[in-house]
Amino acid sequence: MFNRSRRKIILSIMGSLVLLFAVTLSVIMLASYREIRKKSADILQDYIDVYSLDQTSDNPGDSGGPGAPGGGGPAHGPQDKEPLSGTRDFQLSTFYSVSFAEDGSVLVVDNGMRGIYSDEELIEIAQEIRQKGSSSGQREQLLFRVVQKDGYLLVAFMDNTVSDSSMQTLLRNFLIVGGAAIVVMFVVSLFLSRRIIRPLEENDQKQKQFISDASHELKTPVAVIGTNAEMLARELGENAWLSNIRYENERMGELVKQLLELSRAGSADAPMEAVDFSRIVTGEVLAFESLAYERSLTIRSRIEGGVHLTGNSSRLTQLVSILLDNAIRHTTGSEIEVSLRSHLHSAELSVVNDGSEIPPAQLERLFDRFYRADEARTDDGHHYGLGLSIAKAVAEQHGGRIKAACADGRVRFTVSLPIKK
């Protein structure tokens, strides 16, 4: 049982560390990408701010090109921020633009004097953007923005090839270095997790060994006390003090028995075989019907036939017995419902009884050793809060789980066990 818990804890720790590392790298990558895109958008906006048709020349080959900033004349743009037009990034960037009149005719085309895009190509791209109604975005390697200027519509472009290439290089390095780092982190977290879990595992094994050894050591004196008390009873007859000794000795014997059962249920050495779980549940329901009848209770069962598991027959029988005994002892109604069905490769056993409301905080502790909620349980002298702990250990030993729920005055215990083909 602890080995499965150990694996879960190790995987949880490893997963958390790897996920944290991956998220950190992703945030760095995303932040870098957004910063680069924002810088490019700011540079393009500055180009738009200083662009003016008054600065165009008749010859597209003149210095600065049509509409190029710095070609003479005042810059038209907002004055409440520091312009980027004087920075090296701005001067090294390549811009293109197409200006449209209000009737849709082309006024000026600036192809950046690089010969990468012809006037016809830029006009075709700009008209396509106008028809789609886009105000900004990116088309292939061109970052674009559409702005309504004084009496004309400007479609401005900035060549983003270098920036995109840098981002691709950054992404490639991120995937390579990040992937390698995640593998290293996985190995390191596996090593650290085992170091962290080892003391807990050793402590759990020592605790189980102590319970098993103590229970075995107690069996002999309990049996001797019981035998001597029986012999005294035959000689002395009825005696109040002797009766009390015999009663307490029986309680001690029951406790020792349950401690041994808990120790065995938590061990991983139980022989597993193919068992008919439907037959086990049916047999236990029949066995408990007489006890239920004595308490004026009715057990209603809906047991699906042919539910087979790979497990230990005696321990699965013990699991069903604990749940039925728990329901009979704690019910406040007259009926107990038992159902078994196969659902999504699992066998699902449910035992339901009427009962007092159990707070959520107590529901979580019902399977703790020696825990008994006064509102939900009564003590008949032979129960010590170990039954549900044993049931949980048996369920986990078979790779399943058990849970408790309480709603509308109904207490439900559900066991889910994997069906191994």
Protein backbone atom coordinates (compact mmCIF):
# COMPACT_ATOMS: atom_id res chain seq x y z
CA MET A 1 0.00 0.00 0.00
CA PHE A 2 2.75 2.41 0.94
CA ASN A 3 4.63 1.63 -2.29
CA ARG A 4 1.66 2.92 -4.29
CA SER A 5 1.44 5.97 -2.04
CA ARG A 6 5.15 6.47 -2.44
CA ARG A 7 4.90 6.37 -6.22
CA LYS A 8 2.06 8.86 -6.12
CA ILE A 9 4.01 11.24 -3.88
CA ILE A 10 7.15 10.95 -6.00
CA LEU A 11 5.21 11.55 -9.22
CA SER A 12 3.43 14.47 -7.60
CA ILE A 13 6.68 16.10 -6.49
CA MET A 14 8.37 15.46 -9.82
CA GLY A 15 5.38 16.70 -11.77
CA SER A 16 5.17 19.86 -9.67
CA LEU A 17 8.85 20.68 -10.14
CA VAL A 18 8.83 19.99 -13.87
CA LEU A 19 5.59 21.92 -14.34
CA LEU A 20 6.96 24.89 -12.38
CA PHE A 21 10.11 24.91 -14.49
CA ALA A 22 8.19 24.60 -17.75
CA VAL A 23 5.81 27.40 -16.76
CA THR A 24 8.76 29.63 -15.83
CA LEU A 25 10.42 29.08 -19.22
CA SER A 26 7.11 29.65 -21.01
CA VAL A 27 6.54 32.92 -19.16
CA ILE A 28 10.04 34.08 -20.08
CA MET A 29 9.44 33.13 -23.70
CA LEU A 30 6.07 34.83 -23.84
CA ALA A 31 7.37 37.97 -22.14
CA SER A 32 10.29 38.17 -24.59
CA TYR A 33 7.97 37.69 -27.56
CA ARG A 34 5.55 40.37 -26.36
CA GLU A 35 8.38 42.81 -25.67
CA ILE A 36 9.84 42.34 -29.17
CA ARG A 37 6.43 42.71 -30.81
CA LYS A 38 5.66 45.83 -28.75
CA LYS A 39 8.99 47.38 -29.73
CA SER A 40 8.30 46.67 -33.40
CA ALA A 41 4.78 48.12 -33.08
CA ASP A 42 6.18 51.27 -31.41
CA ILE A 43 8.72 51.74 -34.20
CA LEU A 44 6.01 51.35 -36.86
CA GLN A 45 3.78 53.80 -34.99
CA ASP A 46 6.60 56.34 -34.89
CA TYR A 47 7.01 55.97 -38.64
CA ILE A 48 3.27 56.65 -39.02
CA ASP A 49 3.47 59.65 -36.70
CA VAL A 50 6.22 61.35 -38.74
CA TYR A 51 4.84 60.33 -42.13
CA SER A 52 3.41 63.15 -44.28
CA LEU A 53 2.52 63.45 -47.93
CA ASP A 54 4.05 66.94 -47.81
CA GLN A 55 7.45 65.24 -47.52
CA THR A 56 7.13 63.17 -50.71
CA SER A 57 9.23 63.86 -53.76
CA ASP A 58 8.39 63.34 -57.40
CA ASN A 59 11.11 60.75 -57.83
CA PRO A 60 10.70 57.58 -55.77
CA GLY A 61 14.45 57.06 -55.91
CA ASP A 62 15.25 60.26 -54.03
CA SER A 63 16.77 60.05 -50.60
CA GLY A 64 14.24 58.98 -48.07
CA GLY A 65 11.76 57.76 -50.67
CA PRO A 66 8.14 58.82 -50.87
CA GLY A 67 6.82 59.68 -47.50
CA ALA A 68 10.02 58.73 -45.74
CA PRO A 69 10.59 60.61 -42.51
CA GLY A 70 13.41 63.03 -42.43
CA GLY A 71 13.12 64.00 -46.08
CA GLY A 72 12.50 67.65 -45.25
CA GLY A 73 9.52 69.35 -43.71
CA PRO A 74 8.06 69.11 -40.28
CA ALA A 75 7.27 65.80 -38.63
CA HIS A 76 3.58 65.27 -38.01
CA GLY A 77 2.90 63.20 -34.92
CA PRO A 78 2.17 63.30 -31.24
CA GLN A 79 4.50 65.46 -29.20
CA ASP A 80 3.80 63.94 -25.77
CA LYS A 81 6.32 61.11 -26.10
CA GLU A 82 9.95 60.69 -26.99
CA PRO A 83 10.06 59.76 -30.71
CA LEU A 84 11.96 56.67 -31.82
CA SER A 85 12.89 58.17 -35.17
CA GLY A 86 16.31 59.17 -33.85
CA THR A 87 17.15 55.75 -32.49
CA ARG A 88 19.35 53.20 -34.22
CA ASP A 89 16.54 50.61 -34.27
CA PHE A 90 14.33 53.01 -36.20
CA GLN A 91 17.06 53.99 -38.65
CA LEU A 92 17.93 50.36 -39.40
CA SER A 93 14.29 49.32 -39.92
CA THR A 94 12.75 48.98 -43.37
CA PHE A 95 9.36 50.59 -43.96
CA TYR A 96 6.87 50.45 -46.80
CA SER A 97 3.64 52.34 -47.25
CA VAL A 98 0.69 52.83 -49.54
CA SER A 99 -1.49 55.94 -49.36
CA PHE A 100 -5.07 55.89 -50.63
CA ALA A 101 -7.31 58.83 -51.49
CA GLU A 102 -10.87 58.95 -50.20
CA ASP A 103 -12.13 57.48 -53.50
CA GLY A 104 -9.81 54.49 -53.11
CA SER A 105 -7.22 55.55 -55.69
CA VAL A 106 -3.53 55.13 -54.87
CA LEU A 107 -1.74 58.36 -54.06
CA VAL A 108 1.79 57.29 -53.14
CA VAL A 109 3.66 54.00 -52.85
CA ASP A 110 6.89 53.70 -50.88
CA ASN A 111 8.71 50.41 -51.58
CA GLY A 112 11.60 51.18 -49.26
CA MET A 113 14.13 51.40 -52.10
CA ARG A 114 15.17 47.80 -51.37
CA GLY A 115 13.49 46.19 -54.37
CA ILE A 116 12.12 43.40 -52.17
CA TYR A 117 8.50 44.34 -52.88
CA SER A 118 7.35 45.99 -56.10
CA ASP A 119 4.80 48.79 -56.08
CA GLU A 120 2.22 46.40 -57.53
CA GLU A 121 2.79 43.86 -54.75
CA LEU A 122 2.48 46.49 -52.03
CA ILE A 123 -0.70 47.91 -53.60
CA GLU A 124 -2.22 44.43 -53.83
CA ILE A 125 -1.40 43.67 -50.18
CA ALA A 126 -2.67 47.06 -49.00
CA GLN A 127 -5.95 46.74 -50.93
CA GLU A 128 -6.50 43.26 -49.50
CA ILE A 129 -6.00 44.65 -45.98
CA ARG A 130 -8.44 47.51 -46.70
CA GLN A 131 -11.09 45.08 -47.95
CA LYS A 132 -10.79 42.96 -44.81
CA GLY A 133 -11.14 46.03 -42.62
CA SER A 134 -8.09 45.16 -40.53
CA SER A 135 -6.53 47.98 -38.51
CA SER A 136 -3.32 46.19 -37.54
CA GLY A 137 -1.65 42.81 -37.69
CA GLN A 138 1.00 40.88 -39.60
CA ARG A 139 0.95 39.46 -43.10
CA GLU A 140 3.83 37.10 -43.72
CA GLN A 141 6.91 39.08 -42.58
CA LEU A 142 5.20 42.47 -42.82
CA LEU A 143 3.88 44.11 -39.66
CA PHE A 144 1.14 46.53 -40.79
CA ARG A 145 -1.09 49.24 -39.39
CA VAL A 146 -3.90 51.18 -41.10
CA VAL A 147 -4.37 54.82 -40.06
CA GLN A 148 -6.66 57.56 -41.30
CA LYS A 149 -4.49 60.64 -41.87
CA ASP A 150 -5.48 64.14 -43.05
CA GLY A 151 -7.51 63.47 -46.17
CA TYR A 152 -6.02 60.07 -47.01
CA LEU A 153 -5.70 56.52 -45.70
CA LEU A 154 -2.21 55.27 -44.87
CA VAL A 155 -1.32 51.59 -44.86
CA ALA A 156 2.14 51.40 -43.30
CA PHE A 157 4.35 48.32 -43.24
CA MET A 158 7.51 47.38 -41.40
CA ASP A 159 9.68 44.48 -42.54
CA ASN A 160 9.77 42.10 -39.56
CA THR A 161 11.99 39.44 -41.14
CA VAL A 162 14.93 39.95 -38.78
CA SER A 163 12.66 40.06 -35.73
CA ASP A 164 10.78 36.92 -36.78
CA SER A 165 14.05 35.13 -37.47
CA SER A 166 15.29 36.09 -34.01
CA MET A 167 12.09 34.81 -32.45
CA GLN A 168 12.40 31.51 -34.33
CA THR A 169 15.98 31.17 -33.13
CA LEU A 170 14.86 31.99 -29.59
CA LEU A 171 12.04 29.46 -29.81
CA ARG A 172 14.36 26.75 -31.18
CA ASN A 173 16.90 27.36 -28.43
CA PHE A 174 14.10 27.48 -25.89
CA LEU A 175 12.83 24.07 -26.99
CA ILE A 176 16.31 22.53 -27.06
CA VAL A 177 17.65 24.01 -23.84
CA GLY A 178 14.28 23.88 -22.09
CA GLY A 179 13.73 20.24 -23.08
CA ALA A 180 17.20 19.28 -21.86
CA ALA A 181 16.67 21.23 -18.64
CA ILE A 182 13.33 19.51 -18.04
CA VAL A 183 14.98 16.10 -18.47
CA VAL A 184 17.70 17.10 -16.00
CA MET A 185 15.06 18.50 -13.64
CA PHE A 186 13.12 15.24 -13.92
CA VAL A 187 16.16 13.17 -12.95
CA VAL A 188 17.09 15.52 -10.11
CA SER A 189 13.53 15.64 -8.78
CA LEU A 190 13.35 11.83 -8.95
CA PHE A 191 16.52 11.58 -6.86
CA LEU A 192 15.34 14.20 -4.36
CA SER A 193 11.87 12.68 -4.12
CA ARG A 194 13.29 9.28 -3.25
CA ARG A 195 15.52 10.86 -0.62
CA ILE A 196 12.51 12.64 0.88
CA ILE A 197 10.22 9.62 0.81
CA ARG A 198 12.71 7.06 2.13
CA PRO A 199 12.43 8.12 5.82
CA LEU A 200 8.64 8.09 5.58
CA GLU A 201 8.69 4.62 4.07
CA GLU A 202 11.03 3.34 6.76
CA ASN A 203 8.85 4.84 9.46
CA ASP A 204 5.74 3.25 7.94
CA GLN A 205 7.43 -0.15 7.77
CA LYS A 206 8.57 0.14 11.39
CA GLN A 207 5.07 1.12 12.46
CA LYS A 208 3.54 -1.87 10.67
CA GLN A 209 6.16 -4.18 12.12
CA PHE A 210 5.52 -2.83 15.61
CA ILE A 211 1.76 -3.34 15.30
CA SER A 212 2.25 -6.86 13.98
CA ASP A 213 4.81 -7.82 16.64
CA ALA A 214 2.84 -6.26 19.49
CA SER A 215 -0.36 -7.98 18.37
CA HIS A 216 1.33 -11.36 18.18
CA GLU A 217 2.92 -10.86 21.61
CA LEU A 218 -0.42 -9.87 23.11
CA LYS A 219 -2.27 -12.90 21.75
CA THR A 220 -0.66 -15.30 24.21
CA PRO A 221 -1.33 -13.39 27.48
CA VAL A 222 -4.87 -12.60 26.33
CA ALA A 223 -5.50 -16.27 25.62
CA VAL A 224 -3.99 -17.26 29.01
CA ILE A 225 -6.10 -14.71 30.88
CA GLY A 226 -9.21 -15.92 29.08
CA THR A 227 -8.47 -19.56 29.93
CA ASN A 228 -7.74 -18.80 33.59
CA ALA A 229 -10.86 -16.69 33.90
CA GLU A 230 -12.91 -19.54 32.47
CA MET A 231 -11.43 -22.00 34.98
CA LEU A 232 -12.11 -19.62 37.88
CA ALA A 233 -15.66 -19.17 36.69
CA ARG A 234 -16.21 -22.93 36.89
CA GLU A 235 -14.86 -23.05 40.46
CA LEU A 236 -16.32 -19.84 41.89
CA GLY A 237 -19.50 -19.60 39.91
CA GLU A 238 -20.99 -16.21 39.03
CA ASN A 239 -18.81 -13.33 40.24
CA ALA A 240 -19.11 -9.67 39.27
CA TRP A 241 -15.37 -9.03 39.37
CA LEU A 242 -14.62 -12.13 37.36
CA SER A 243 -17.29 -11.24 34.81
CA ASN A 244 -15.68 -7.84 34.38
CA ILE A 245 -12.28 -9.45 33.84
CA ARG A 246 -13.71 -11.78 31.19
CA TYR A 247 -15.52 -8.90 29.44
CA GLU A 248 -12.45 -6.69 29.28
CA ASN A 249 -10.31 -9.62 28.16
CA GLU A 250 -12.72 -10.27 25.28
CA ARG A 251 -12.46 -6.62 24.29
CA MET A 252 -8.67 -6.84 24.42
CA GLY A 253 -8.76 -9.98 22.28
CA GLU A 254 -10.96 -8.24 19.72
CA LEU A 255 -8.60 -5.27 19.59
CA VAL A 256 -5.59 -7.54 19.07
CA LYS A 257 -7.47 -9.32 16.30
CA GLN A 258 -8.31 -6.07 14.52
CA LEU A 259 -4.73 -4.82 14.83
CA LEU A 260 -3.50 -8.01 13.19
CA GLU A 261 -6.10 -7.63 10.43
CA LEU A 262 -5.01 -4.03 9.85
CA SER A 263 -1.38 -5.11 9.64
CA ARG A 264 -2.20 -7.87 7.16
CA ALA A 265 -4.46 -5.64 5.07
CA GLY A 266 -1.64 -3.13 4.67
CA SER A 267 0.92 -5.72 3.54
CA ALA A 268 1.64 -6.39 -0.10
CA ASP A 269 2.22 -10.15 0.18
CA ALA A 270 -1.42 -11.25 -0.19
CA PRO A 271 -1.81 -13.91 -2.92
CA MET A 272 -3.91 -12.61 -5.81
CA GLU A 273 -6.13 -14.74 -8.00
CA ALA A 274 -9.21 -14.47 -10.18
CA VAL A 275 -12.27 -14.10 -7.94
CA ASP A 276 -15.99 -13.72 -8.54
CA PHE A 277 -16.71 -10.48 -6.70
CA SER A 278 -20.44 -10.79 -7.38
CA ARG A 279 -20.49 -14.10 -5.52
CA ILE A 280 -18.53 -12.63 -2.58
CA VAL A 281 -20.92 -9.69 -2.19
CA THR A 282 -23.98 -11.95 -2.52
CA GLY A 283 -22.62 -14.33 0.10
CA GLU A 284 -21.92 -11.55 2.61
CA VAL A 285 -25.37 -10.02 2.09
CA LEU A 286 -26.95 -13.38 2.86
CA ALA A 287 -24.75 -13.80 5.93
CA PHE A 288 -25.77 -10.40 7.33
CA GLU A 289 -29.49 -10.75 6.65
CA SER A 290 -30.03 -12.60 9.95
CA LEU A 291 -28.23 -9.87 11.90
CA ALA A 292 -30.27 -7.24 10.08
CA TYR A 293 -33.46 -9.13 10.83
CA GLU A 294 -32.66 -9.15 14.56
CA ARG A 295 -32.51 -5.36 14.42
CA SER A 296 -35.68 -5.07 12.32
CA LEU A 297 -33.69 -3.99 9.26
CA THR A 298 -34.03 -4.96 5.60
CA ILE A 299 -31.10 -5.29 3.19
CA ARG A 300 -32.06 -4.46 -0.38
CA SER A 301 -29.44 -5.52 -2.92
CA ARG A 302 -28.87 -4.93 -6.62
CA ILE A 303 -25.89 -7.09 -7.49
CA GLU A 304 -24.75 -7.38 -11.09
CA GLY A 305 -23.61 -10.89 -11.92
CA GLY A 306 -20.32 -11.85 -13.51
CA VAL A 307 -18.16 -9.12 -11.96
CA HIS A 308 -14.72 -10.74 -11.74
CA LEU A 309 -11.56 -9.27 -10.19
CA THR A 310 -7.97 -10.20 -9.63
CA GLY A 311 -7.61 -10.10 -5.86
CA ASN A 312 -7.52 -11.90 -2.54
CA SER A 313 -10.84 -13.57 -1.80
CA SER A 314 -10.59 -13.49 2.00
CA ARG A 315 -9.64 -9.82 2.16
CA LEU A 316 -12.33 -8.78 -0.31
CA THR A 317 -14.81 -10.69 1.84
CA GLN A 318 -13.51 -8.80 4.85
CA LEU A 319 -13.99 -5.50 3.00
CA VAL A 320 -17.65 -6.23 2.21
CA SER A 321 -18.24 -7.50 5.75
CA ILE A 322 -16.86 -4.30 7.30
CA LEU A 323 -19.10 -2.08 5.19
CA LEU A 324 -22.23 -4.12 5.91
CA ASP A 325 -21.45 -4.29 9.62
CA ASN A 326 -20.81 -0.55 9.70
CA ALA A 327 -24.13 0.18 7.96
CA ILE A 328 -26.15 -2.09 10.28
CA ARG A 329 -24.62 -0.63 13.44
CA HIS A 330 -25.01 3.02 12.47
CA THR A 331 -28.22 3.18 10.47
CA THR A 332 -31.09 5.27 11.82
CA GLY A 333 -33.59 3.91 9.31
CA SER A 334 -35.06 0.53 8.45
CA GLU A 335 -33.33 -0.26 5.14
CA ILE A 336 -29.81 -0.74 3.87
CA GLU A 337 -29.06 -0.62 0.17
CA VAL A 338 -26.25 -2.63 -1.39
CA SER A 339 -25.36 -2.39 -5.06
CA LEU A 340 -22.60 -3.78 -7.25
CA ARG A 341 -21.98 -2.96 -10.89
CA SER A 342 -19.17 -2.87 -13.42
CA HIS A 343 -18.48 0.64 -14.65
CA LEU A 344 -15.65 1.83 -16.93
CA HIS A 345 -13.31 -1.12 -16.24
CA SER A 346 -14.02 -0.93 -12.51
CA ALA A 347 -16.21 -2.81 -10.06
CA GLU A 348 -18.23 -0.31 -8.04
CA LEU A 349 -19.64 -1.46 -4.70
CA SER A 350 -21.98 0.90 -2.84
CA VAL A 351 -23.47 0.51 0.65
CA VAL A 352 -26.04 3.12 1.73
CA ASN A 353 -27.85 3.61 5.03
CA ASP A 354 -29.83 6.33 6.76
CA GLY A 355 -27.77 8.26 9.27
CA SER A 356 -27.13 11.49 11.05
CA GLU A 357 -25.46 14.28 9.12
CA ILE A 358 -21.67 13.93 9.10
CA PRO A 359 -19.72 17.19 8.63
CA PRO A 360 -17.26 17.23 5.69
CA ALA A 361 -14.31 17.55 8.08
CA GLN A 362 -15.33 14.31 9.80
CA LEU A 363 -15.99 12.52 6.49
CA GLU A 364 -12.33 12.98 5.59
CA ARG A 365 -11.26 11.38 8.88
CA LEU A 366 -13.61 8.37 8.93
CA PHE A 367 -10.86 6.16 7.52
CA ASP A 368 -8.24 7.24 10.05
CA ARG A 369 -7.11 4.63 12.56
CA PHE A 370 -8.95 4.71 15.90
CA TYR A 371 -11.11 7.64 14.77
CA ARG A 372 -14.79 7.59 15.76
CA ALA A 373 -17.21 10.45 15.26
CA ASP A 374 -19.55 10.54 18.24
CA GLU A 375 -22.39 11.91 16.15
CA ALA A 376 -22.17 9.10 13.63
CA ARG A 377 -21.00 6.11 15.64
CA THR A 378 -21.92 4.24 18.75
CA ASP A 379 -19.72 1.98 20.79
CA ASP A 380 -20.87 -1.54 21.64
CA GLY A 381 -17.57 -2.44 23.33
CA HIS A 382 -15.98 -4.33 20.42
CA HIS A 383 -15.24 -1.63 17.86
CA TYR A 384 -12.23 0.66 18.07
CA GLY A 385 -12.39 2.74 14.91
CA LEU A 386 -10.25 0.30 12.90
CA GLY A 387 -12.89 -1.24 10.63
CA LEU A 388 -12.97 1.48 7.99
CA SER A 389 -9.16 1.80 8.18
CA ILE A 390 -8.93 -1.90 7.34
CA ALA A 391 -11.45 -1.46 4.52
CA LYS A 392 -9.40 1.38 3.06
CA ALA A 393 -6.19 -0.68 3.31
CA VAL A 394 -7.82 -3.61 1.52
CA ALA A 395 -9.18 -1.35 -1.24
CA GLU A 396 -5.78 0.28 -1.80
CA GLN A 397 -4.08 -3.11 -1.68
CA HIS A 398 -6.20 -4.07 -4.70
CA GLY A 399 -5.40 -0.83 -6.53
CA GLY A 400 -8.78 0.73 -5.75
CA ARG A 401 -10.18 3.45 -3.56
CA ILE A 402 -12.97 3.97 -1.05
CA LYS A 403 -14.84 7.16 -0.26
CA ALA A 404 -17.67 8.30 1.99
CA ALA A 405 -20.44 10.78 1.25
CA CYS A 406 -23.35 12.12 3.26
CA ALA A 407 -26.34 14.01 1.87
CA ASP A 408 -30.03 14.28 2.70
CA GLY A 409 -29.72 12.03 5.72
CA ARG A 410 -28.08 9.23 3.70
CA VAL A 411 -24.57 7.92 4.30
CA ARG A 412 -22.93 6.24 1.30
CA PHE A 413 -19.70 4.27 1.18
CA THR A 414 -18.43 3.55 -2.33
CA VAL A 415 -15.59 1.20 -3.23
CA SER A 416 -14.11 1.22 -6.71
CA LEU A 417 -11.82 -1.68 -7.67
CA PRO A 418 -10.12 -2.14 -11.06
CA ILE A 419 -11.23 -5.05 -13.20
CA LYS A 420 -8.07 -6.58 -14.59
CA LYS A 421 -8.64 -8.60 -17.71
